N, C-alpha and C. Protein backbone atom coordinates (compact mmCIF):
# COMPACT_ATOMS: atom_id res chain seq x y z
N MET A 1 -39.40 61.68 217.09
CA MET A 1 -40.22 62.79 216.66
C MET A 1 -39.35 64.02 216.45
N SER A 2 -39.58 64.74 215.38
CA SER A 2 -38.80 65.93 215.06
C SER A 2 -39.15 67.08 216.00
N PRO A 3 -38.17 67.90 216.34
CA PRO A 3 -38.43 69.06 217.19
C PRO A 3 -39.40 70.04 216.51
N ASP A 4 -40.08 70.81 217.32
CA ASP A 4 -41.02 71.82 216.83
C ASP A 4 -40.27 72.89 216.03
N PRO A 5 -40.66 73.14 214.77
CA PRO A 5 -39.96 74.14 213.96
C PRO A 5 -39.91 75.53 214.61
N ALA A 6 -40.95 75.91 215.34
CA ALA A 6 -40.95 77.22 216.00
C ALA A 6 -39.87 77.28 217.08
N ALA A 7 -39.69 76.19 217.80
CA ALA A 7 -38.65 76.13 218.83
C ALA A 7 -37.26 76.14 218.20
N VAL A 8 -37.12 75.46 217.07
CA VAL A 8 -35.84 75.44 216.36
C VAL A 8 -35.52 76.84 215.85
N LEU A 9 -36.51 77.50 215.24
CA LEU A 9 -36.30 78.88 214.78
C LEU A 9 -35.90 79.79 215.94
N ALA A 10 -36.52 79.62 217.09
CA ALA A 10 -36.18 80.45 218.25
C ALA A 10 -34.71 80.28 218.62
N LYS A 11 -34.19 79.06 218.54
CA LYS A 11 -32.77 78.82 218.84
C LYS A 11 -31.87 79.48 217.80
N VAL A 12 -32.21 79.30 216.53
CA VAL A 12 -31.41 79.92 215.46
C VAL A 12 -31.45 81.43 215.60
N ARG A 13 -32.62 81.97 215.84
CA ARG A 13 -32.78 83.42 216.01
C ARG A 13 -31.91 83.94 217.15
N ALA A 14 -31.92 83.25 218.28
CA ALA A 14 -31.12 83.67 219.44
C ALA A 14 -29.63 83.65 219.10
N LEU A 15 -29.16 82.62 218.40
CA LEU A 15 -27.75 82.53 218.03
C LEU A 15 -27.36 83.64 217.06
N ALA A 16 -28.19 83.88 216.07
CA ALA A 16 -27.88 84.88 215.04
C ALA A 16 -27.94 86.30 215.59
N LEU A 17 -28.99 86.59 216.36
CA LEU A 17 -29.17 87.96 216.83
C LEU A 17 -28.26 88.32 218.00
N ALA A 18 -27.55 87.33 218.55
CA ALA A 18 -26.57 87.61 219.61
C ALA A 18 -25.28 88.19 219.03
N LEU A 19 -25.11 88.10 217.72
CA LEU A 19 -23.91 88.61 217.08
C LEU A 19 -24.03 90.13 216.86
N PRO A 20 -22.90 90.84 216.82
CA PRO A 20 -22.94 92.31 216.72
C PRO A 20 -23.65 92.83 215.47
N GLU A 21 -24.45 93.86 215.70
CA GLU A 21 -25.11 94.62 214.63
C GLU A 21 -25.90 93.75 213.66
N THR A 22 -26.67 92.82 214.20
CA THR A 22 -27.48 91.94 213.36
C THR A 22 -28.96 92.26 213.51
N THR A 23 -29.70 91.88 212.51
CA THR A 23 -31.15 92.05 212.52
C THR A 23 -31.75 90.90 211.73
N GLU A 24 -33.06 90.80 211.77
CA GLU A 24 -33.78 89.75 211.05
C GLU A 24 -34.69 90.40 210.03
N ARG A 25 -34.75 89.80 208.84
CA ARG A 25 -35.67 90.28 207.81
C ARG A 25 -36.12 89.08 206.97
N GLU A 26 -37.37 89.08 206.60
CA GLU A 26 -37.88 88.01 205.76
C GLU A 26 -37.22 88.10 204.39
N SER A 27 -36.87 86.94 203.86
CA SER A 27 -36.28 86.85 202.54
C SER A 27 -36.92 85.67 201.82
N HIS A 28 -37.64 85.97 200.77
CA HIS A 28 -38.33 84.94 199.99
C HIS A 28 -39.22 84.07 200.87
N GLY A 29 -39.91 84.70 201.81
CA GLY A 29 -40.87 84.01 202.65
C GLY A 29 -40.29 83.28 203.85
N ALA A 30 -39.00 83.45 204.10
CA ALA A 30 -38.36 82.75 205.22
C ALA A 30 -37.52 83.75 206.03
N PRO A 31 -37.31 83.46 207.32
CA PRO A 31 -36.47 84.36 208.13
C PRO A 31 -35.02 84.37 207.64
N GLY A 32 -34.49 85.57 207.50
CA GLY A 32 -33.09 85.74 207.15
C GLY A 32 -32.42 86.63 208.18
N PHE A 33 -31.15 86.43 208.38
CA PHE A 33 -30.41 87.20 209.38
C PHE A 33 -29.29 87.93 208.67
N LEU A 34 -29.18 89.22 208.95
CA LEU A 34 -28.22 90.03 208.25
C LEU A 34 -27.54 91.01 209.18
N ILE A 35 -26.39 91.46 208.73
CA ILE A 35 -25.68 92.53 209.42
C ILE A 35 -26.37 93.81 209.01
N VAL A 36 -26.47 94.75 209.93
CA VAL A 36 -27.26 95.96 209.73
C VAL A 36 -26.93 96.65 208.41
N ASP A 37 -25.70 96.53 207.91
CA ASP A 37 -25.35 97.18 206.64
C ASP A 37 -25.95 96.47 205.43
N GLY A 38 -26.61 95.33 205.64
CA GLY A 38 -27.37 94.73 204.56
C GLY A 38 -26.92 93.38 204.04
N LYS A 39 -25.84 92.78 204.52
CA LYS A 39 -25.41 91.48 204.02
C LYS A 39 -26.00 90.35 204.86
N PHE A 40 -26.69 89.43 204.19
CA PHE A 40 -27.23 88.26 204.88
C PHE A 40 -26.09 87.31 205.23
N PHE A 41 -26.22 86.66 206.39
CA PHE A 41 -25.23 85.66 206.78
C PHE A 41 -25.88 84.33 207.17
N ALA A 42 -27.19 84.29 207.32
CA ALA A 42 -27.87 83.03 207.66
C ALA A 42 -29.34 83.12 207.30
N TYR A 43 -29.90 81.96 207.01
CA TYR A 43 -31.33 81.83 206.72
C TYR A 43 -31.87 80.63 207.49
N PHE A 44 -33.16 80.67 207.77
CA PHE A 44 -33.85 79.53 208.36
C PHE A 44 -34.93 79.11 207.39
N TRP A 45 -34.90 77.85 206.99
CA TRP A 45 -35.92 77.30 206.10
C TRP A 45 -36.57 76.12 206.78
N HIS A 46 -37.90 76.09 206.72
CA HIS A 46 -38.65 74.93 207.19
C HIS A 46 -39.57 74.49 206.08
N ASP A 47 -39.40 73.26 205.64
CA ASP A 47 -40.23 72.66 204.58
C ASP A 47 -40.27 73.56 203.35
N HIS A 48 -39.10 74.06 202.99
CA HIS A 48 -38.96 74.96 201.83
C HIS A 48 -39.35 74.22 200.55
N HIS A 49 -40.36 74.70 199.89
CA HIS A 49 -40.88 74.07 198.67
C HIS A 49 -41.23 72.60 198.89
N GLY A 50 -41.69 72.29 200.13
CA GLY A 50 -42.14 70.94 200.42
C GLY A 50 -41.05 69.90 200.55
N ASP A 51 -39.82 70.33 200.87
CA ASP A 51 -38.72 69.36 200.96
C ASP A 51 -38.67 68.60 202.28
N GLY A 52 -39.48 69.01 203.27
CA GLY A 52 -39.54 68.31 204.54
C GLY A 52 -38.39 68.59 205.49
N GLU A 53 -37.46 69.44 205.12
CA GLU A 53 -36.27 69.73 205.94
C GLU A 53 -36.48 70.99 206.79
N THR A 54 -35.85 71.01 207.96
CA THR A 54 -35.75 72.21 208.79
C THR A 54 -34.25 72.48 208.89
N VAL A 55 -33.80 73.62 208.35
CA VAL A 55 -32.36 73.87 208.22
C VAL A 55 -32.00 75.31 208.52
N ALA A 56 -30.73 75.48 208.86
CA ALA A 56 -30.09 76.79 208.84
C ALA A 56 -29.16 76.76 207.64
N ILE A 57 -29.12 77.85 206.91
CA ILE A 57 -28.24 77.95 205.75
C ILE A 57 -27.24 79.04 206.05
N VAL A 58 -25.95 78.70 205.89
CA VAL A 58 -24.88 79.62 206.26
C VAL A 58 -23.83 79.70 205.15
N LYS A 59 -23.08 80.79 205.18
CA LYS A 59 -22.00 81.00 204.23
C LYS A 59 -20.82 80.08 204.59
N THR A 60 -20.05 79.73 203.57
CA THR A 60 -18.77 79.09 203.75
C THR A 60 -17.75 79.94 202.99
N THR A 61 -16.50 79.54 203.01
CA THR A 61 -15.49 80.28 202.26
C THR A 61 -15.60 80.01 200.76
N GLY A 62 -16.41 79.05 200.38
CA GLY A 62 -16.60 78.73 198.97
C GLY A 62 -16.97 77.27 198.77
N VAL A 63 -17.03 76.88 197.50
CA VAL A 63 -17.49 75.53 197.19
C VAL A 63 -16.56 74.44 197.72
N ASP A 64 -15.27 74.73 197.88
CA ASP A 64 -14.35 73.72 198.43
C ASP A 64 -14.69 73.41 199.89
N GLU A 65 -14.90 74.45 200.69
CA GLU A 65 -15.28 74.22 202.09
C GLU A 65 -16.66 73.57 202.17
N GLN A 66 -17.57 74.02 201.34
CA GLN A 66 -18.91 73.43 201.29
C GLN A 66 -18.81 71.93 201.02
N ALA A 67 -18.03 71.54 200.02
CA ALA A 67 -17.88 70.12 199.67
C ALA A 67 -17.23 69.34 200.81
N MET A 68 -16.24 69.94 201.48
CA MET A 68 -15.58 69.27 202.59
C MET A 68 -16.56 69.01 203.73
N LEU A 69 -17.39 69.99 204.06
CA LEU A 69 -18.38 69.80 205.13
C LEU A 69 -19.37 68.70 204.78
N ILE A 70 -19.86 68.72 203.55
CA ILE A 70 -20.84 67.72 203.12
C ILE A 70 -20.22 66.32 203.12
N GLU A 71 -18.99 66.21 202.64
CA GLU A 71 -18.32 64.91 202.61
C GLU A 71 -18.05 64.40 204.03
N ALA A 72 -17.67 65.29 204.93
CA ALA A 72 -17.34 64.89 206.30
C ALA A 72 -18.56 64.47 207.09
N ASP A 73 -19.73 65.09 206.81
CA ASP A 73 -20.93 64.78 207.59
C ASP A 73 -22.19 64.99 206.75
N PRO A 74 -22.45 64.07 205.81
CA PRO A 74 -23.62 64.21 204.93
C PRO A 74 -24.97 64.09 205.64
N GLU A 75 -24.97 63.58 206.86
CA GLU A 75 -26.22 63.52 207.63
C GLU A 75 -26.61 64.90 208.15
N THR A 76 -25.65 65.80 208.27
CA THR A 76 -25.91 67.15 208.78
C THR A 76 -25.94 68.18 207.66
N TYR A 77 -24.98 68.12 206.75
CA TYR A 77 -24.81 69.16 205.74
C TYR A 77 -25.29 68.72 204.37
N PHE A 78 -25.81 69.67 203.59
CA PHE A 78 -26.10 69.43 202.18
C PHE A 78 -26.08 70.75 201.43
N ARG A 79 -26.02 70.65 200.12
CA ARG A 79 -25.98 71.81 199.24
C ARG A 79 -27.41 72.29 199.02
N PRO A 80 -27.74 73.49 199.52
CA PRO A 80 -29.13 73.95 199.39
C PRO A 80 -29.44 74.49 197.99
N ALA A 81 -30.70 74.40 197.64
CA ALA A 81 -31.15 74.99 196.38
C ALA A 81 -30.86 76.49 196.41
N TYR A 82 -30.64 77.04 195.23
CA TYR A 82 -30.44 78.48 195.02
C TYR A 82 -29.11 78.98 195.56
N LEU A 83 -28.84 78.84 196.84
CA LEU A 83 -27.64 79.41 197.46
C LEU A 83 -26.43 78.49 197.38
N GLY A 84 -26.65 77.23 197.15
CA GLY A 84 -25.56 76.26 197.14
C GLY A 84 -24.52 76.54 196.07
N ALA A 85 -24.92 77.04 194.94
CA ALA A 85 -23.96 77.33 193.87
C ALA A 85 -22.95 78.40 194.27
N SER A 86 -23.31 79.22 195.26
CA SER A 86 -22.41 80.26 195.74
C SER A 86 -21.61 79.82 196.96
N GLY A 87 -21.69 78.54 197.31
CA GLY A 87 -20.90 78.02 198.41
C GLY A 87 -21.60 77.97 199.75
N TRP A 88 -22.85 78.39 199.82
CA TRP A 88 -23.59 78.29 201.08
C TRP A 88 -23.86 76.81 201.37
N VAL A 89 -24.04 76.48 202.65
CA VAL A 89 -24.31 75.10 203.04
C VAL A 89 -25.51 75.08 203.99
N ALA A 90 -26.33 74.04 203.86
CA ALA A 90 -27.47 73.87 204.76
C ALA A 90 -27.10 72.88 205.85
N MET A 91 -27.57 73.17 207.06
CA MET A 91 -27.37 72.28 208.21
C MET A 91 -28.74 71.79 208.68
N ARG A 92 -28.93 70.49 208.71
CA ARG A 92 -30.20 69.94 209.17
C ARG A 92 -30.36 70.18 210.67
N LEU A 93 -31.53 70.67 211.05
CA LEU A 93 -31.82 71.00 212.45
C LEU A 93 -33.03 70.25 212.98
N ASP A 94 -33.54 69.30 212.22
CA ASP A 94 -34.81 68.66 212.57
C ASP A 94 -34.64 67.30 213.26
N ARG A 95 -33.49 67.13 213.89
CA ARG A 95 -33.28 65.89 214.64
C ARG A 95 -33.13 66.21 216.12
N ASP A 96 -33.45 65.25 216.96
CA ASP A 96 -33.34 65.45 218.40
C ASP A 96 -31.89 65.61 218.87
N ASP A 97 -30.94 65.10 218.07
CA ASP A 97 -29.53 65.15 218.48
C ASP A 97 -28.75 66.29 217.83
N THR A 98 -29.42 67.35 217.42
CA THR A 98 -28.73 68.49 216.81
C THR A 98 -27.68 69.03 217.76
N ASP A 99 -26.48 69.24 217.25
CA ASP A 99 -25.37 69.78 218.02
C ASP A 99 -25.45 71.31 217.94
N TRP A 100 -26.08 71.93 218.92
CA TRP A 100 -26.32 73.37 218.89
C TRP A 100 -25.05 74.19 219.05
N ASP A 101 -24.01 73.62 219.67
CA ASP A 101 -22.72 74.32 219.72
C ASP A 101 -22.14 74.44 218.30
N ARG A 102 -22.24 73.37 217.54
CA ARG A 102 -21.75 73.39 216.15
C ARG A 102 -22.58 74.35 215.31
N VAL A 103 -23.89 74.35 215.49
CA VAL A 103 -24.75 75.28 214.75
C VAL A 103 -24.36 76.72 215.08
N GLY A 104 -24.16 77.01 216.35
CA GLY A 104 -23.76 78.35 216.76
C GLY A 104 -22.42 78.75 216.17
N ASP A 105 -21.47 77.82 216.14
CA ASP A 105 -20.16 78.11 215.54
C ASP A 105 -20.29 78.41 214.05
N ARG A 106 -21.08 77.62 213.33
CA ARG A 106 -21.23 77.84 211.88
C ARG A 106 -21.94 79.16 211.61
N ILE A 107 -22.93 79.52 212.42
CA ILE A 107 -23.61 80.81 212.24
C ILE A 107 -22.62 81.95 212.49
N ALA A 108 -21.79 81.81 213.53
CA ALA A 108 -20.81 82.85 213.84
C ALA A 108 -19.74 82.96 212.75
N ILE A 109 -19.28 81.84 212.22
CA ILE A 109 -18.31 81.87 211.13
C ILE A 109 -18.94 82.55 209.91
N SER A 110 -20.18 82.24 209.63
CA SER A 110 -20.88 82.86 208.51
C SER A 110 -20.98 84.38 208.71
N TRP A 111 -21.28 84.80 209.94
CA TRP A 111 -21.32 86.24 210.26
C TRP A 111 -19.96 86.86 209.96
N GLU A 112 -18.88 86.20 210.39
CA GLU A 112 -17.53 86.74 210.15
C GLU A 112 -17.24 86.87 208.66
N LEU A 113 -17.74 85.95 207.85
CA LEU A 113 -17.52 86.01 206.41
C LEU A 113 -18.30 87.15 205.75
N ALA A 114 -19.39 87.57 206.37
CA ALA A 114 -20.21 88.65 205.82
C ALA A 114 -19.92 90.01 206.45
N ALA A 115 -19.29 90.02 207.61
CA ALA A 115 -19.10 91.26 208.38
C ALA A 115 -18.16 92.23 207.67
N PRO A 116 -18.46 93.51 207.78
CA PRO A 116 -17.54 94.51 207.23
C PRO A 116 -16.27 94.59 208.08
N ARG A 117 -15.23 95.06 207.47
CA ARG A 117 -13.93 95.14 208.13
C ARG A 117 -14.00 95.89 209.46
N ARG A 118 -14.80 96.96 209.52
CA ARG A 118 -14.87 97.76 210.75
C ARG A 118 -15.35 96.92 211.93
N LEU A 119 -16.26 95.99 211.72
CA LEU A 119 -16.73 95.13 212.82
C LEU A 119 -15.66 94.12 213.20
N LEU A 120 -14.98 93.57 212.21
CA LEU A 120 -13.94 92.60 212.50
C LEU A 120 -12.77 93.26 213.22
N GLU A 121 -12.42 94.47 212.80
CA GLU A 121 -11.31 95.18 213.45
C GLU A 121 -11.67 95.63 214.84
N ALA A 122 -12.95 95.81 215.11
CA ALA A 122 -13.40 96.22 216.45
C ALA A 122 -13.47 95.04 217.41
N GLY A 123 -13.10 93.88 216.95
CA GLY A 123 -13.09 92.72 217.83
C GLY A 123 -14.05 91.64 217.43
N GLY A 124 -14.86 91.89 216.42
CA GLY A 124 -15.77 90.86 215.92
C GLY A 124 -16.78 90.41 216.95
N ARG A 125 -16.95 89.11 217.00
CA ARG A 125 -17.97 88.55 217.89
C ARG A 125 -17.47 88.35 219.29
């Protein structure tokens, strides 16, 4: 049985909002997480357009890293609609064996890719 989407969102929210100067704002009907200066670094989608998936969507360094992640673990990663062309990657979160340490690391890496220099120079996360 798949985990409760509200419980999964609560975990994603806790991981994202634990990072410096972050906030949550709805984006296209779904929760999005951004650095206070306005750059999104993660999204949570549940059954987006009826796809049946519960995912976190995070930034990568580009399409090469995105492709590497998908090739290495296609059961976890896939190219999401809309954001995938820009190198973002979706991580499936709707399984009982979700590796939450890995999810937290990918959300933090995504934050680092979106963070302004002043936050990174101040020590980052």
